[in-house]
Amino acid sequence: MMYALYGSPSTAGTAIHWMLLELGVPFELTLLDFDKAEHKTPKYLALNPDGFVPTLIVDGAPVTQMAAIAALLAERHPEAGFAPPPGSAARADYLSWSYWLANSWQPHFRGWFYPYEPAGEAAQDAAQDVARGRIEAGLARLDARLADRDYLVGEGFTTVDLLTAILCRWTRNMPRPATEWPNLKRYLDAIRQRPALREVHVREGLTDWIDG
């Protein structure tokens, strides 16, 4: 079974790159150069009309959206245990947190990094302030969830933790990064020791955040 991943360093593509390393499956990797707009070429847009990363080629067909790809990989490789099986006690929590991360929380990061998109050039400072507040509210929610547990769902590492760690990484240069919440810091410190996460940093040439 061979996958082909299109990503770019320090993006949502990093999450899927990391997961493929966790799974230990063969894959081909293409890192797109955003500075050269390689994610906006006709060839790439034919795979992903949004012009975003990641895109994963699965059985010859492109699959997009970070959370969807992570869930699909967990489903295709159940032996890895990265998702509670259907019908299990933790399944509802798994689905709820997955969709919250993708639909309710992740979009605010785009408002932070690209505030002119939702608000226009004249109002981008206000848009960024709103995005920061909502990101920090999400961090507080995650911190509360982790007050008495090591993982967000069930008893072990799932794709929910993978997505959370990558999104928390995106806060590293914000005024109040995820590591300033005590339960999140404990949680992230443990996850940052995972060999596959450390390896993806090496492969993508990322040196910040992984060591604190």
C-alpha atoms as a PDB file:
ATOM      1  CA  MET A   1       0.000   0.000   0.000  1.00  0.00           C
ATOM      2  CA  MET A   2       1.562   3.255  -1.119  1.00  0.00           C
ATOM      3  CA  TYR A   3       0.388   6.770  -0.391  1.00  0.00           C
ATOM      4  CA  ALA A   4       1.508  10.040  -1.956  1.00  0.00           C
ATOM      5  CA  LEU A   5       1.382  13.141   0.237  1.00  0.00           C
ATOM      6  CA  TYR A   6       1.482  16.750  -0.878  1.00  0.00           C
ATOM      7  CA  GLY A   7       2.337  19.090   1.961  1.00  0.00           C
ATOM      8  CA  SER A   8       4.526  21.989   2.972  1.00  0.00           C
ATOM      9  CA  PRO A   9       6.713  22.440   6.057  1.00  0.00           C
ATOM     10  CA  SER A  10       4.985  23.680   9.209  1.00  0.00           C
ATOM     11  CA  THR A  11       1.456  23.441   7.773  1.00  0.00           C
ATOM     12  CA  ALA A  12      -1.498  21.106   8.139  1.00  0.00           C
ATOM     13  CA  GLY A  13       0.461  18.816   5.846  1.00  0.00           C
ATOM     14  CA  THR A  14       2.899  18.260   8.707  1.00  0.00           C
ATOM     15  CA  ALA A  15       0.140  16.494  10.648  1.00  0.00           C
ATOM     16  CA  ILE A  16      -0.385  13.913   7.911  1.00  0.00           C
ATOM     17  CA  HIS A  17       3.354  13.540   7.322  1.00  0.00           C
ATOM     18  CA  TRP A  18       3.660  12.806  11.048  1.00  0.00           C
ATOM     19  CA  MET A  19       0.802  10.303  10.999  1.00  0.00           C
ATOM     20  CA  LEU A  20       2.253   8.392   8.066  1.00  0.00           C
ATOM     21  CA  LEU A  21       5.498   8.101  10.032  1.00  0.00           C
ATOM     22  CA  GLU A  22       3.535   6.923  13.080  1.00  0.00           C
ATOM     23  CA  LEU A  23       1.896   4.231  10.953  1.00  0.00           C
ATOM     24  CA  GLY A  24       5.182   3.126   9.411  1.00  0.00           C
ATOM     25  CA  VAL A  25       3.614   2.782   5.965  1.00  0.00           C
ATOM     26  CA  PRO A  26       5.345   3.544   2.653  1.00  0.00           C
ATOM     27  CA  PHE A  27       4.609   6.903   1.112  1.00  0.00           C
ATOM     28  CA  GLU A  28       5.971   9.417  -1.359  1.00  0.00           C
ATOM     29  CA  LEU A  29       6.298  13.014  -0.177  1.00  0.00           C
ATOM     30  CA  THR A  30       6.123  16.188  -2.215  1.00  0.00           C
ATOM     31  CA  LEU A  31       6.771  19.386  -0.261  1.00  0.00           C
ATOM     32  CA  LEU A  32       5.302  22.358  -2.097  1.00  0.00           C
ATOM     33  CA  ASP A  33       7.066  25.719  -2.021  1.00  0.00           C
ATOM     34  CA  PHE A  34       4.458  28.278  -0.985  1.00  0.00           C
ATOM     35  CA  ASP A  35       6.803  31.159  -1.836  1.00  0.00           C
ATOM     36  CA  LYS A  36       6.724  29.952  -5.434  1.00  0.00           C
ATOM     37  CA  ALA A  37       2.944  29.399  -5.248  1.00  0.00           C
ATOM     38  CA  GLU A  38       3.333  25.730  -6.099  1.00  0.00           C
ATOM     39  CA  HIS A  39       0.058  25.092  -4.261  1.00  0.00           C
ATOM     40  CA  LYS A  40      -1.753  27.307  -6.796  1.00  0.00           C
ATOM     41  CA  THR A  41      -0.534  25.700 -10.021  1.00  0.00           C
ATOM     42  CA  PRO A  42      -3.114  24.137 -12.362  1.00  0.00           C
ATOM     43  CA  LYS A  43      -1.553  20.718 -11.768  1.00  0.00           C
ATOM     44  CA  TYR A  44      -2.022  20.940  -8.012  1.00  0.00           C
ATOM     45  CA  LEU A  45      -5.434  22.609  -8.196  1.00  0.00           C
ATOM     46  CA  ALA A  46      -6.615  19.627 -10.220  1.00  0.00           C
ATOM     47  CA  LEU A  47      -5.950  17.545  -7.099  1.00  0.00           C
ATOM     48  CA  ASN A  48      -7.088  20.074  -4.512  1.00  0.00           C
ATOM     49  CA  PRO A  49      -9.276  22.873  -5.922  1.00  0.00           C
ATOM     50  CA  ASP A  50      -8.911  24.878  -2.696  1.00  0.00           C
ATOM     51  CA  GLY A  51      -5.166  25.163  -3.221  1.00  0.00           C
ATOM     52  CA  PHE A  52      -4.442  24.093   0.352  1.00  0.00           C
ATOM     53  CA  VAL A  53      -2.391  21.302   1.888  1.00  0.00           C
ATOM     54  CA  PRO A  54      -2.494  18.481   2.667  1.00  0.00           C
ATOM     55  CA  THR A  55      -3.616  16.317  -0.182  1.00  0.00           C
ATOM     56  CA  LEU A  56      -3.135  12.573   0.146  1.00  0.00           C
ATOM     57  CA  ILE A  57      -3.409  10.272  -2.857  1.00  0.00           C
ATOM     58  CA  VAL A  58      -5.206   7.150  -1.678  1.00  0.00           C
ATOM     59  CA  ASP A  59      -5.761   4.307  -4.134  1.00  0.00           C
ATOM     60  CA  GLY A  60      -5.094   6.741  -6.963  1.00  0.00           C
ATOM     61  CA  ALA A  61      -7.588   9.397  -5.831  1.00  0.00           C
ATOM     62  CA  PRO A  62      -6.926  12.663  -3.949  1.00  0.00           C
ATOM     63  CA  VAL A  63      -8.277  13.135  -0.430  1.00  0.00           C
ATOM     64  CA  THR A  64      -8.184  16.575   1.190  1.00  0.00           C
ATOM     65  CA  GLN A  65      -8.759  18.169   4.635  1.00  0.00           C
ATOM     66  CA  MET A  66      -6.350  17.404   7.492  1.00  0.00           C
ATOM     67  CA  ALA A  67      -8.912  15.955   9.916  1.00  0.00           C
ATOM     68  CA  ALA A  68     -10.592  13.846   7.235  1.00  0.00           C
ATOM     69  CA  ILE A  69      -7.287  12.380   6.054  1.00  0.00           C
ATOM     70  CA  ALA A  70      -6.225  11.580   9.616  1.00  0.00           C
ATOM     71  CA  ALA A  71      -9.529   9.827  10.325  1.00  0.00           C
ATOM     72  CA  LEU A  72      -9.325   7.907   7.041  1.00  0.00           C
ATOM     73  CA  LEU A  73      -5.794   6.710   7.788  1.00  0.00           C
ATOM     74  CA  ALA A  74      -6.877   5.594  11.258  1.00  0.00           C
ATOM     75  CA  GLU A  75      -9.736   3.665   9.664  1.00  0.00           C
ATOM     76  CA  ARG A  76      -7.494   2.062   7.041  1.00  0.00           C
ATOM     77  CA  HIS A  77      -4.942   1.003   9.670  1.00  0.00           C
ATOM     78  CA  PRO A  78      -7.040  -0.022  12.688  1.00  0.00           C
ATOM     79  CA  GLU A  79      -4.189  -2.086  14.104  1.00  0.00           C
ATOM     80  CA  ALA A  80      -2.456   1.181  15.073  1.00  0.00           C
ATOM     81  CA  GLY A  81      -5.278   2.096  17.459  1.00  0.00           C
ATOM     82  CA  PHE A  82      -5.449   5.764  16.448  1.00  0.00           C
ATOM     83  CA  ALA A  83      -9.262   5.834  16.578  1.00  0.00           C
ATOM     84  CA  PRO A  84     -11.751   4.128  18.906  1.00  0.00           C
ATOM     85  CA  PRO A  85     -13.695   1.523  16.917  1.00  0.00           C
ATOM     86  CA  PRO A  86     -17.326   2.181  15.985  1.00  0.00           C
ATOM     87  CA  GLY A  87     -19.611   1.211  18.828  1.00  0.00           C
ATOM     88  CA  SER A  88     -16.973   1.712  21.507  1.00  0.00           C
ATOM     89  CA  ALA A  89     -17.563   3.923  24.528  1.00  0.00           C
ATOM     90  CA  ALA A  90     -15.043   6.537  23.356  1.00  0.00           C
ATOM     91  CA  ARG A  91     -16.289   6.768  19.756  1.00  0.00           C
ATOM     92  CA  ALA A  92     -18.752   9.618  20.321  1.00  0.00           C
ATOM     93  CA  ASP A  93     -16.114  11.695  22.124  1.00  0.00           C
ATOM     94  CA  TYR A  94     -13.662  10.958  19.322  1.00  0.00           C
ATOM     95  CA  LEU A  95     -16.047  12.207  16.648  1.00  0.00           C
ATOM     96  CA  SER A  96     -17.128  15.233  18.662  1.00  0.00           C
ATOM     97  CA  TRP A  97     -13.588  16.424  19.389  1.00  0.00           C
ATOM     98  CA  SER A  98     -12.439  15.721  15.828  1.00  0.00           C
ATOM     99  CA  TYR A  99     -15.191  17.850  14.342  1.00  0.00           C
ATOM    100  CA  TRP A 100     -14.763  20.579  16.956  1.00  0.00           C
ATOM    101  CA  LEU A 101     -11.075  20.874  16.141  1.00  0.00           C
ATOM    102  CA  ALA A 102     -11.680  20.961  12.387  1.00  0.00           C
ATOM    103  CA  ASN A 103     -14.871  23.012  12.191  1.00  0.00           C
ATOM    104  CA  SER A 104     -14.978  25.220  15.273  1.00  0.00           C
ATOM    105  CA  TRP A 105     -11.378  25.856  16.285  1.00  0.00           C
ATOM    106  CA  GLN A 106      -9.001  25.484  13.328  1.00  0.00           C
ATOM    107  CA  PRO A 107     -10.727  28.211  11.225  1.00  0.00           C
ATOM    108  CA  HIS A 108      -9.758  30.841  13.794  1.00  0.00           C
ATOM    109  CA  PHE A 109      -6.095  30.232  12.994  1.00  0.00           C
ATOM    110  CA  ARG A 110      -6.713  31.394   9.458  1.00  0.00           C
ATOM    111  CA  GLY A 111      -8.269  34.539  10.932  1.00  0.00           C
ATOM    112  CA  TRP A 112      -5.106  35.065  12.975  1.00  0.00           C
ATOM    113  CA  PHE A 113      -2.566  34.399  10.211  1.00  0.00           C
ATOM    114  CA  TYR A 114      -4.585  35.917   7.357  1.00  0.00           C
ATOM    115  CA  PRO A 115      -6.850  38.503   9.031  1.00  0.00           C
ATOM    116  CA  TYR A 116      -7.447  40.402   5.797  1.00  0.00           C
ATOM    117  CA  GLU A 117      -9.372  37.427   4.376  1.00  0.00           C
ATOM    118  CA  PRO A 118     -12.485  37.699   6.549  1.00  0.00           C
ATOM    119  CA  ALA A 119     -12.331  41.431   7.217  1.00  0.00           C
ATOM    120  CA  GLY A 120     -10.463  43.240   4.455  1.00  0.00           C
ATOM    121  CA  GLU A 121      -7.297  45.292   4.813  1.00  0.00           C
ATOM    122  CA  ALA A 122      -8.923  48.093   6.831  1.00  0.00           C
ATOM    123  CA  ALA A 123     -10.262  45.839   9.581  1.00  0.00           C
ATOM    124  CA  GLN A 124      -7.573  43.201   9.832  1.00  0.00           C
ATOM    125  CA  ASP A 125      -6.338  44.296  13.281  1.00  0.00           C
ATOM    126  CA  ALA A 126      -9.814  43.857  14.716  1.00  0.00           C
ATOM    127  CA  ALA A 127     -10.216  40.512  12.942  1.00  0.00           C
ATOM    128  CA  GLN A 128      -6.932  39.293  14.379  1.00  0.00           C
ATOM    129  CA  ASP A 129      -7.972  40.345  17.885  1.00  0.00           C
ATOM    130  CA  VAL A 130     -11.183  38.343  17.544  1.00  0.00           C
ATOM    131  CA  ALA A 131      -9.293  35.338  16.216  1.00  0.00           C
ATOM    132  CA  ARG A 132      -6.826  35.485  19.101  1.00  0.00           C
ATOM    133  CA  GLY A 133      -9.638  35.531  21.642  1.00  0.00           C
ATOM    134  CA  ARG A 134     -11.295  32.508  20.088  1.00  0.00           C
ATOM    135  CA  ILE A 135      -8.036  30.591  19.798  1.00  0.00           C
ATOM    136  CA  GLU A 136      -7.269  31.256  23.459  1.00  0.00           C
ATOM    137  CA  ALA A 137     -10.794  30.204  24.441  1.00  0.00           C
ATOM    138  CA  GLY A 138     -10.134  26.929  22.649  1.00  0.00           C
ATOM    139  CA  LEU A 139      -6.842  26.501  24.472  1.00  0.00           C
ATOM    140  CA  ALA A 140      -8.640  27.036  27.777  1.00  0.00           C
ATOM    141  CA  ARG A 141     -11.190  24.382  26.798  1.00  0.00           C
ATOM    142  CA  LEU A 142      -8.464  21.891  25.934  1.00  0.00           C
ATOM    143  CA  ASP A 143      -6.602  22.684  29.153  1.00  0.00           C
ATOM    144  CA  ALA A 144      -9.722  21.998  31.206  1.00  0.00           C
ATOM    145  CA  ARG A 145     -10.298  18.714  29.386  1.00  0.00           C
ATOM    146  CA  LEU A 146      -6.749  17.607  30.207  1.00  0.00           C
ATOM    147  CA  ALA A 147      -6.959  18.420  33.923  1.00  0.00           C
ATOM    148  CA  ASP A 148      -7.272  14.756  34.899  1.00  0.00           C
ATOM    149  CA  ARG A 149      -6.271  12.836  31.797  1.00  0.00           C
ATOM    150  CA  ASP A 150      -3.250  12.182  29.576  1.00  0.00           C
ATOM    151  CA  TYR A 151      -5.115  12.071  26.250  1.00  0.00           C
ATOM    152  CA  LEU A 152      -8.155  13.903  24.971  1.00  0.00           C
ATOM    153  CA  VAL A 153     -10.160  10.784  24.117  1.00  0.00           C
ATOM    154  CA  GLY A 154     -10.044   7.330  25.653  1.00  0.00           C
ATOM    155  CA  GLU A 155      -6.905   5.910  27.219  1.00  0.00           C
ATOM    156  CA  GLY A 156      -4.377   6.312  24.427  1.00  0.00           C
ATOM    157  CA  PHE A 157      -3.071   8.481  21.603  1.00  0.00           C
ATOM    158  CA  THR A 158      -5.565   9.086  18.776  1.00  0.00           C
ATOM    159  CA  THR A 159      -5.829  11.346  15.760  1.00  0.00           C
ATOM    160  CA  VAL A 160      -7.522  13.865  18.066  1.00  0.00           C
ATOM    161  CA  ASP A 161      -4.214  14.240  19.909  1.00  0.00           C
ATOM    162  CA  LEU A 162      -2.298  14.462  16.652  1.00  0.00           C
ATOM    163  CA  LEU A 163      -4.501  17.278  15.359  1.00  0.00           C
ATOM    164  CA  THR A 164      -4.450  19.070  18.708  1.00  0.00           C
ATOM    165  CA  ALA A 165      -0.665  18.974  18.911  1.00  0.00           C
ATOM    166  CA  ILE A 166      -0.247  20.436  15.428  1.00  0.00           C
ATOM    167  CA  LEU A 167      -2.783  23.194  16.059  1.00  0.00           C
ATOM    168  CA  CYS A 168      -1.123  23.991  19.381  1.00  0.00           C
ATOM    169  CA  ARG A 169       2.194  24.190  17.540  1.00  0.00           C
ATOM    170  CA  TRP A 170       0.690  26.973  15.439  1.00  0.00           C
ATOM    171  CA  THR A 171       0.330  29.084  18.611  1.00  0.00           C
ATOM    172  CA  ARG A 172       4.057  29.011  19.340  1.00  0.00           C
ATOM    173  CA  ASN A 173       4.652  32.626  18.252  1.00  0.00           C
ATOM    174  CA  MET A 174       1.334  34.019  19.455  1.00  0.00           C
ATOM    175  CA  PRO A 175       1.164  36.351  22.464  1.00  0.00           C
ATOM    176  CA  ARG A 176      -0.023  33.485  24.680  1.00  0.00           C
ATOM    177  CA  PRO A 177       1.053  30.112  23.250  1.00  0.00           C
ATOM    178  CA  ALA A 178      -0.484  26.797  24.239  1.00  0.00           C
ATOM    179  CA  THR A 179       2.405  25.981  26.572  1.00  0.00           C
ATOM    180  CA  GLU A 180       1.284  28.768  28.938  1.00  0.00           C
ATOM    181  CA  TRP A 181      -1.694  26.617  29.968  1.00  0.00           C
ATOM    182  CA  PRO A 182      -0.373  24.161  32.591  1.00  0.00           C
ATOM    183  CA  ASN A 183      -2.298  21.039  31.613  1.00  0.00           C
ATOM    184  CA  LEU A 184      -1.657  21.639  27.931  1.00  0.00           C
ATOM    185  CA  LYS A 185       2.049  22.124  28.616  1.00  0.00           C
ATOM    186  CA  ARG A 186       2.260  18.799  30.450  1.00  0.00           C
ATOM    187  CA  TYR A 187       0.371  17.109  27.629  1.00  0.00           C
ATOM    188  CA  LEU A 188       2.424  18.696  24.838  1.00  0.00           C
ATOM    189  CA  ASP A 189       5.704  18.003  26.616  1.00  0.00           C
ATOM    190  CA  ALA A 190       4.805  14.300  26.600  1.00  0.00           C
ATOM    191  CA  ILE A 191       3.599  14.256  22.985  1.00  0.00           C
ATOM    192  CA  ARG A 192       6.723  16.078  21.791  1.00  0.00           C
ATOM    193  CA  GLN A 193       8.749  13.037  22.859  1.00  0.00           C
ATOM    194  CA  ARG A 194       7.030  10.818  20.293  1.00  0.00           C
ATOM    195  CA  PRO A 195       9.740   9.657  17.873  1.00  0.00           C
ATOM    196  CA  ALA A 196       7.589  10.181  14.767  1.00  0.00           C
ATOM    197  CA  LEU A 197       6.821  13.790  15.689  1.00  0.00           C
ATOM    198  CA  ARG A 198      10.485  14.478  16.267  1.00  0.00           C
ATOM    199  CA  GLU A 199      11.338  12.779  12.979  1.00  0.00           C
ATOM    200  CA  VAL A 200       8.858  14.867  10.996  1.00  0.00           C
ATOM    201  CA  HIS A 201      10.517  17.997  12.366  1.00  0.00           C
ATOM    202  CA  VAL A 202      13.869  16.719  11.102  1.00  0.00           C
ATOM    203  CA  ARG A 203      12.496  15.785   7.685  1.00  0.00           C
ATOM    204  CA  GLU A 204      10.785  19.149   7.201  1.00  0.00           C
ATOM    205  CA  GLY A 205      13.708  21.129   8.574  1.00  0.00           C
ATOM    206  CA  LEU A 206      11.751  22.466  11.559  1.00  0.00           C
ATOM    207  CA  THR A 207      13.813  23.375  14.609  1.00  0.00           C
ATOM    208  CA  ASP A 208      11.442  25.493  16.718  1.00  0.00           C
ATOM    209  CA  TRP A 209       8.895  24.337  19.321  1.00  0.00           C
ATOM    210  CA  ILE A 210       9.801  20.643  19.407  1.00  0.00           C
ATOM    211  CA  ASP A 211      12.130  21.105  22.393  1.00  0.00           C
ATOM    212  CA  GLY A 212      10.047  23.589  24.332  1.00  0.00           C
END
